[in-house]
Amino acid sequence: MVRGGKRENSGRKKIEGKKIKVILDKEMIIKINKNIIGKTFSEKIRKCLEKGLNND
């Protein structure tokens, strides 16, 4: 089922990129949930990766 409106450029924004399946232990999940702000866990993971890459 496709989500979004009938008009052009309406609805959800697609995220371009490659899907990656990663398994995290419970401790890592708890740390991410406590320290990273975001609506969904996927968004928190993306922000966590960006933050880690930008700390160089």
PDB file of N, CA and C in Angstrom:
ATOM      1  N   MET A   1       0.838  -1.180   0.000  1.00  0.00           N
ATOM      2  CA  MET A   1       0.000   0.000   0.000  1.00  0.00           C
ATOM      3  C   MET A   1       0.882   1.243   0.000  1.00  0.00           C
ATOM      4  N   VAL A   2       0.656   2.106  -0.939  1.00  0.00           N
ATOM      5  CA  VAL A   2       1.441   3.327  -1.062  1.00  0.00           C
ATOM      6  C   VAL A   2       0.840   4.397  -0.173  1.00  0.00           C
ATOM      7  N   ARG A   3       1.693   5.085   0.568  1.00  0.00           N
ATOM      8  CA  ARG A   3       1.220   6.161   1.432  1.00  0.00           C
ATOM      9  C   ARG A   3       1.519   7.500   0.776  1.00  0.00           C
ATOM     10  N   GLY A   4       0.663   8.435   1.028  1.00  0.00           N
ATOM     11  CA  GLY A   4       0.882   9.776   0.499  1.00  0.00           C
ATOM     12  C   GLY A   4      -0.377  10.315  -0.145  1.00  0.00           C
ATOM     13  N   GLY A   5      -0.314  11.555  -0.538  1.00  0.00           N
ATOM     14  CA  GLY A   5      -1.459  12.200  -1.145  1.00  0.00           C
ATOM     15  C   GLY A   5      -1.537  11.935  -2.633  1.00  0.00           C
ATOM     16  N   LYS A   6      -2.623  12.394  -3.217  1.00  0.00           N
ATOM     17  CA  LYS A   6      -2.831  12.204  -4.651  1.00  0.00           C
ATOM     18  C   LYS A   6      -2.089  13.263  -5.469  1.00  0.00           C
ATOM     19  N   ARG A   7      -1.860  14.404  -4.848  1.00  0.00           N
ATOM     20  CA  ARG A   7      -1.189  15.480  -5.576  1.00  0.00           C
ATOM     21  C   ARG A   7       0.310  15.235  -5.657  1.00  0.00           C
ATOM     22  N   GLU A   8       0.923  15.750  -6.682  1.00  0.00           N
ATOM     23  CA  GLU A   8       2.367  15.594  -6.869  1.00  0.00           C
ATOM     24  C   GLU A   8       3.127  16.270  -5.730  1.00  0.00           C
ATOM     25  N   ASN A   9       4.199  15.629  -5.284  1.00  0.00           N
ATOM     26  CA  ASN A   9       5.057  16.109  -4.196  1.00  0.00           C
ATOM     27  C   ASN A   9       4.347  16.168  -2.847  1.00  0.00           C
ATOM     28  N   SER A  10       3.259  15.430  -2.677  1.00  0.00           N
ATOM     29  CA  SER A  10       2.607  15.377  -1.379  1.00  0.00           C
ATOM     30  C   SER A  10       2.851  14.009  -0.766  1.00  0.00           C
ATOM     31  N   GLY A  11       2.756  13.913   0.543  1.00  0.00           N
ATOM     32  CA  GLY A  11       2.959  12.639   1.218  1.00  0.00           C
ATOM     33  C   GLY A  11       4.325  12.557   1.861  1.00  0.00           C
ATOM     34  N   ARG A  12       4.736  11.358   2.159  1.00  0.00           N
ATOM     35  CA  ARG A  12       6.002  11.132   2.852  1.00  0.00           C
ATOM     36  C   ARG A  12       7.191  11.341   1.932  1.00  0.00           C
ATOM     37  N   LYS A  13       8.265  11.836   2.511  1.00  0.00           N
ATOM     38  CA  LYS A  13       9.508  12.021   1.764  1.00  0.00           C
ATOM     39  C   LYS A  13      10.290  10.715   1.780  1.00  0.00           C
ATOM     40  N   LYS A  14      10.761  10.275   0.632  1.00  0.00           N
ATOM     41  CA  LYS A  14      11.549   9.059   0.558  1.00  0.00           C
ATOM     42  C   LYS A  14      12.985   9.359   0.953  1.00  0.00           C
ATOM     43  N   ILE A  15      13.602   8.400   1.627  1.00  0.00           N
ATOM     44  CA  ILE A  15      15.005   8.530   2.016  1.00  0.00           C
ATOM     45  C   ILE A  15      15.810   7.722   1.011  1.00  0.00           C
ATOM     46  N   GLU A  16      16.703   8.408   0.322  1.00  0.00           N
ATOM     47  CA  GLU A  16      17.543   7.745  -0.673  1.00  0.00           C
ATOM     48  C   GLU A  16      18.704   7.059   0.034  1.00  0.00           C
ATOM     49  N   GLY A  17      19.112   5.937  -0.468  1.00  0.00           N
ATOM     50  CA  GLY A  17      20.261   5.254   0.106  1.00  0.00           C
ATOM     51  C   GLY A  17      20.094   3.748   0.059  1.00  0.00           C
ATOM     52  N   LYS A  18      20.950   3.071   0.776  1.00  0.00           N
ATOM     53  CA  LYS A  18      20.980   1.623   0.785  1.00  0.00           C
ATOM     54  C   LYS A  18      20.472   1.110   2.128  1.00  0.00           C
ATOM     55  N   LYS A  19      19.618   0.082   2.098  1.00  0.00           N
ATOM     56  CA  LYS A  19      19.135  -0.529   3.327  1.00  0.00           C
ATOM     57  C   LYS A  19      20.219  -1.423   3.887  1.00  0.00           C
ATOM     58  N   ILE A  20      20.417  -1.319   5.202  1.00  0.00           N
ATOM     59  CA  ILE A  20      21.430  -2.115   5.881  1.00  0.00           C
ATOM     60  C   ILE A  20      20.783  -2.758   7.105  1.00  0.00           C
ATOM     61  N   LYS A  21      20.958  -4.047   7.255  1.00  0.00           N
ATOM     62  CA  LYS A  21      20.419  -4.758   8.410  1.00  0.00           C
ATOM     63  C   LYS A  21      21.548  -4.942   9.427  1.00  0.00           C
ATOM     64  N   VAL A  22      21.327  -4.419  10.638  1.00  0.00           N
ATOM     65  CA  VAL A  22      22.339  -4.465  11.690  1.00  0.00           C
ATOM     66  C   VAL A  22      21.690  -5.010  12.958  1.00  0.00           C
ATOM     67  N   ILE A  23      22.400  -5.864  13.662  1.00  0.00           N
ATOM     68  CA  ILE A  23      21.926  -6.389  14.938  1.00  0.00           C
ATOM     69  C   ILE A  23      22.714  -5.711  16.053  1.00  0.00           C
ATOM     70  N   LEU A  24      21.988  -5.104  17.003  1.00  0.00           N
ATOM     71  CA  LEU A  24      22.608  -4.410  18.129  1.00  0.00           C
ATOM     72  C   LEU A  24      22.268  -5.128  19.428  1.00  0.00           C
ATOM     73  N   ASP A  25      23.204  -5.108  20.378  1.00  0.00           N
ATOM     74  CA  ASP A  25      22.894  -5.703  21.671  1.00  0.00           C
ATOM     75  C   ASP A  25      22.019  -4.756  22.489  1.00  0.00           C
ATOM     76  N   LYS A  26      21.422  -5.276  23.542  1.00  0.00           N
ATOM     77  CA  LYS A  26      20.458  -4.505  24.336  1.00  0.00           C
ATOM     78  C   LYS A  26      21.078  -3.267  24.956  1.00  0.00           C
ATOM     79  N   GLU A  27      22.322  -3.367  25.413  1.00  0.00           N
ATOM     80  CA  GLU A  27      22.995  -2.224  26.039  1.00  0.00           C
ATOM     81  C   GLU A  27      23.138  -1.061  25.060  1.00  0.00           C
ATOM     82  N   MET A  28      23.497  -1.370  23.809  1.00  0.00           N
ATOM     83  CA  MET A  28      23.657  -0.337  22.786  1.00  0.00           C
ATOM     84  C   MET A  28      22.313   0.331  22.486  1.00  0.00           C
ATOM     85  N   ILE A  29      21.255  -0.449  22.415  1.00  0.00           N
ATOM     86  CA  ILE A  29      19.921   0.093  22.148  1.00  0.00           C
ATOM     87  C   ILE A  29      19.495   1.027  23.271  1.00  0.00           C
ATOM     88  N   ILE A  30      19.754   0.636  24.514  1.00  0.00           N
ATOM     89  CA  ILE A  30      19.400   1.475  25.660  1.00  0.00           C
ATOM     90  C   ILE A  30      20.175   2.791  25.630  1.00  0.00           C
ATOM     91  N   LYS A  31      21.476   2.743  25.319  1.00  0.00           N
ATOM     92  CA  LYS A  31      22.295   3.955  25.240  1.00  0.00           C
ATOM     93  C   LYS A  31      21.796   4.893  24.152  1.00  0.00           C
ATOM     94  N   ILE A  32      21.447   4.335  22.988  1.00  0.00           N
ATOM     95  CA  ILE A  32      20.956   5.163  21.878  1.00  0.00           C
ATOM     96  C   ILE A  32      19.638   5.813  22.267  1.00  0.00           C
ATOM     97  N   ASN A  33      18.725   5.057  22.869  1.00  0.00           N
ATOM     98  CA  ASN A  33      17.428   5.612  23.275  1.00  0.00           C
ATOM     99  C   ASN A  33      17.575   6.714  24.314  1.00  0.00           C
ATOM    100  N   LYS A  34      18.559   6.612  25.218  1.00  0.00           N
ATOM    101  CA  LYS A  34      18.761   7.624  26.259  1.00  0.00           C
ATOM    102  C   LYS A  34      19.432   8.880  25.720  1.00  0.00           C
ATOM    103  N   ASN A  35      20.395   8.719  24.797  1.00  0.00           N
ATOM    104  CA  ASN A  35      21.263   9.839  24.417  1.00  0.00           C
ATOM    105  C   ASN A  35      20.918  10.524  23.107  1.00  0.00           C
ATOM    106  N   ILE A  36      20.158   9.893  22.244  1.00  0.00           N
ATOM    107  CA  ILE A  36      19.872  10.465  20.928  1.00  0.00           C
ATOM    108  C   ILE A  36      18.389  10.799  20.840  1.00  0.00           C
ATOM    109  N   ILE A  37      18.083  11.990  20.340  1.00  0.00           N
ATOM    110  CA  ILE A  37      16.692  12.439  20.214  1.00  0.00           C
ATOM    111  C   ILE A  37      16.199  12.157  18.796  1.00  0.00           C
ATOM    112  N   GLY A  38      14.990  11.615  18.703  1.00  0.00           N
ATOM    113  CA  GLY A  38      14.376  11.355  17.411  1.00  0.00           C
ATOM    114  C   GLY A  38      13.013  10.728  17.589  1.00  0.00           C
ATOM    115  N   LYS A  39      12.187  10.800  16.548  1.00  0.00           N
ATOM    116  CA  LYS A  39      10.839  10.247  16.620  1.00  0.00           C
ATOM    117  C   LYS A  39      10.849   8.727  16.557  1.00  0.00           C
ATOM    118  N   THR A  40      11.617   8.169  15.639  1.00  0.00           N
ATOM    119  CA  THR A  40      11.664   6.721  15.465  1.00  0.00           C
ATOM    120  C   THR A  40      13.062   6.222  15.787  1.00  0.00           C
ATOM    121  N   PHE A  41      13.174   4.910  16.003  1.00  0.00           N
ATOM    122  CA  PHE A  41      14.488   4.357  16.300  1.00  0.00           C
ATOM    123  C   PHE A  41      15.405   4.474  15.086  1.00  0.00           C
ATOM    124  N   SER A  42      14.846   4.344  13.889  1.00  0.00           N
ATOM    125  CA  SER A  42      15.656   4.496  12.669  1.00  0.00           C
ATOM    126  C   SER A  42      16.258   5.895  12.589  1.00  0.00           C
ATOM    127  N   GLU A  43      15.458   6.887  12.936  1.00  0.00           N
ATOM    128  CA  GLU A  43      15.947   8.271  12.922  1.00  0.00           C
ATOM    129  C   GLU A  43      17.055   8.446  13.965  1.00  0.00           C
ATOM    130  N   LYS A  44      16.891   7.827  15.126  1.00  0.00           N
ATOM    131  CA  LYS A  44      17.914   7.902  16.168  1.00  0.00           C
ATOM    132  C   LYS A  44      19.215   7.258  15.696  1.00  0.00           C
ATOM    133  N   ILE A  45      19.116   6.128  15.008  1.00  0.00           N
ATOM    134  CA  ILE A  45      20.305   5.443  14.495  1.00  0.00           C
ATOM    135  C   ILE A  45      21.022   6.340  13.484  1.00  0.00           C
ATOM    136  N   ARG A  46      20.257   6.969  12.559  1.00  0.00           N
ATOM    137  CA  ARG A  46      20.869   7.860  11.565  1.00  0.00           C
ATOM    138  C   ARG A  46      21.588   9.016  12.240  1.00  0.00           C
ATOM    139  N   LYS A  47      20.942   9.637  13.230  1.00  0.00           N
ATOM    140  CA  LYS A  47      21.563  10.762  13.942  1.00  0.00           C
ATOM    141  C   LYS A  47      22.808  10.316  14.696  1.00  0.00           C
ATOM    142  N   CYS A  48      22.752   9.127  15.272  1.00  0.00           N
ATOM    143  CA  CYS A  48      23.900   8.586  16.009  1.00  0.00           C
ATOM    144  C   CYS A  48      25.091   8.381  15.066  1.00  0.00           C
ATOM    145  N   LEU A  49      24.837   7.834  13.888  1.00  0.00           N
ATOM    146  CA  LEU A  49      25.906   7.629  12.916  1.00  0.00           C
ATOM    147  C   LEU A  49      26.473   8.957  12.431  1.00  0.00           C
ATOM    148  N   GLU A  50      25.611   9.927  12.148  1.00  0.00           N
ATOM    149  CA  GLU A  50      26.072  11.245  11.712  1.00  0.00           C
ATOM    150  C   GLU A  50      26.930  11.891  12.796  1.00  0.00           C
ATOM    151  N   LYS A  51      26.468  11.797  14.039  1.00  0.00           N
ATOM    152  CA  LYS A  51      27.213  12.393  15.155  1.00  0.00           C
ATOM    153  C   LYS A  51      28.587  11.741  15.298  1.00  0.00           C
ATOM    154  N   GLY A  52      28.634  10.432  15.169  1.00  0.00           N
ATOM    155  CA  GLY A  52      29.907   9.719  15.262  1.00  0.00           C
ATOM    156  C   GLY A  52      30.856  10.067  14.128  1.00  0.00           C
ATOM    157  N   LEU A  53      30.335  10.232  12.934  1.00  0.00           N
ATOM    158  CA  LEU A  53      31.181  10.570  11.778  1.00  0.00           C
ATOM    159  C   LEU A  53      31.671  12.011  11.838  1.00  0.00           C
ATOM    160  N   ASN A  54      30.871  12.905  12.429  1.00  0.00           N
ATOM    161  CA  ASN A  54      31.241  14.321  12.486  1.00  0.00           C
ATOM    162  C   ASN A  54      32.153  14.638  13.669  1.00  0.00           C
ATOM    163  N   ASN A  55      32.392  13.700  14.566  1.00  0.00           N
ATOM    164  CA  ASN A  55      33.253  13.951  15.724  1.00  0.00           C
ATOM    165  C   ASN A  55      34.735  13.886  15.406  1.00  0.00           C
ATOM    166  N   ASP A  56      35.082  13.543  14.192  1.00  0.00           N
ATOM    167  CA  ASP A  56      36.513  13.413  13.819  1.00  0.00           C
ATOM    168  C   ASP A  56      37.268  14.698  13.900  1.00  0.00           C
TER     169      ASP A  56
END
